[in-house]
Amino acid sequence: MQRRREEIRRIAARRTQRVFVIVNAVPLAASTMVFPFTDIPAVPVLGHLTLGVVWGILQCGLFMATAWWHEARSTRLCDSLAVEG
């Protein structure tokens, strides 16, 4: 029974890491492939703000949100280990 719980936690931790990497890697890969070869980043959005700057700000916000989510999820997994241990 204990091994089964440990395996479930290990799977949950891997899934959490995978989601974190995928959610952050997809927009990074898209911007790395599209932005250097086009004029898309220079498109004005609002005043001096360009699409490239807005995309960068959104990507930073996404990273911060997923880092918070990952930390909260990992803490819950570790706390449940401490309670049972």
Protein backbone atom coordinates (compact mmCIF):
# COMPACT_ATOMS: atom_id res chain seq x y z
CA MET A 1 0.00 0.00 0.00
CA GLN A 2 2.83 2.41 0.89
CA ARG A 3 4.62 1.65 -2.39
CA ARG A 4 1.46 2.38 -4.32
CA ARG A 5 1.12 5.81 -2.64
CA GLU A 6 4.75 6.61 -3.37
CA GLU A 7 4.28 5.62 -7.01
CA ILE A 8 1.16 7.80 -7.28
CA ARG A 9 3.09 10.76 -5.83
CA ARG A 10 6.00 10.15 -8.17
CA ILE A 11 3.63 10.10 -11.15
CA ALA A 12 1.93 13.29 -9.91
CA ALA A 13 5.30 15.03 -9.50
CA ARG A 14 6.37 14.04 -13.03
CA ARG A 15 3.06 15.20 -14.45
CA THR A 16 3.44 18.53 -12.65
CA GLN A 17 6.93 18.98 -14.08
CA ARG A 18 5.79 17.99 -17.58
CA VAL A 19 2.90 20.46 -17.54
CA PHE A 20 5.22 23.23 -16.32
CA VAL A 21 7.75 22.59 -19.09
CA ILE A 22 5.18 22.19 -21.88
CA VAL A 23 3.14 25.26 -20.94
CA ASN A 24 6.28 27.40 -20.93
CA ALA A 25 8.08 25.77 -23.86
CA VAL A 26 5.31 26.09 -26.44
CA PRO A 27 5.08 29.92 -26.48
CA LEU A 28 8.87 30.20 -26.22
CA ALA A 29 9.35 27.88 -29.20
CA ALA A 30 6.67 29.72 -31.18
CA SER A 31 8.27 33.09 -30.57
CA THR A 32 11.75 31.75 -31.27
CA MET A 33 10.64 30.35 -34.62
CA VAL A 34 8.39 33.23 -35.78
CA PHE A 35 9.72 36.49 -34.40
CA PRO A 36 13.33 36.55 -35.72
CA PHE A 37 12.26 35.96 -39.34
CA THR A 38 9.34 38.39 -39.64
CA ASP A 39 8.38 41.95 -38.89
CA ILE A 40 5.64 40.80 -36.51
CA PRO A 41 7.42 41.93 -33.31
CA ALA A 42 7.62 45.50 -34.62
CA VAL A 43 3.85 45.83 -35.11
CA PRO A 44 2.65 48.68 -32.88
CA VAL A 45 0.01 47.71 -30.34
CA LEU A 46 -0.49 50.77 -28.15
CA GLY A 47 1.69 53.85 -28.37
CA HIS A 48 5.32 52.73 -28.13
CA LEU A 49 4.35 49.18 -27.16
CA THR A 50 5.01 46.66 -29.89
CA LEU A 51 3.70 43.15 -30.30
CA GLY A 52 7.13 41.77 -29.38
CA VAL A 53 7.18 43.63 -26.07
CA VAL A 54 3.60 42.62 -25.26
CA TRP A 55 4.39 38.99 -26.14
CA GLY A 56 7.44 39.09 -23.84
CA ILE A 57 5.42 40.54 -20.96
CA LEU A 58 2.71 37.91 -21.44
CA GLN A 59 5.32 35.16 -21.54
CA CYS A 60 6.88 36.42 -18.29
CA GLY A 61 3.42 36.50 -16.70
CA LEU A 62 2.74 32.96 -17.88
CA PHE A 63 6.06 31.80 -16.44
CA MET A 64 5.34 33.43 -13.08
CA ALA A 65 1.85 31.91 -12.94
CA THR A 66 3.07 28.42 -13.81
CA ALA A 67 5.99 28.71 -11.38
CA TRP A 68 3.52 29.61 -8.63
CA TRP A 69 1.26 26.71 -9.65
CA HIS A 70 4.21 24.29 -9.75
CA GLU A 71 5.42 25.41 -6.32
CA ALA A 72 1.94 25.10 -4.80
CA ARG A 73 1.41 21.66 -6.33
CA SER A 74 4.86 20.42 -5.26
CA THR A 75 4.33 21.75 -1.73
CA ARG A 76 1.02 19.89 -1.47
CA LEU A 77 2.71 16.67 -2.62
CA CYS A 78 5.56 17.11 -0.12
CA ASP A 79 3.21 18.09 2.72
CA SER A 80 1.20 14.94 2.25
CA LEU A 81 4.45 12.96 2.50
CA ALA A 82 5.38 14.71 5.75
CA VAL A 83 1.94 14.07 7.28
CA GLU A 84 2.09 10.35 6.52
CA GLY A 85 5.78 9.99 7.42
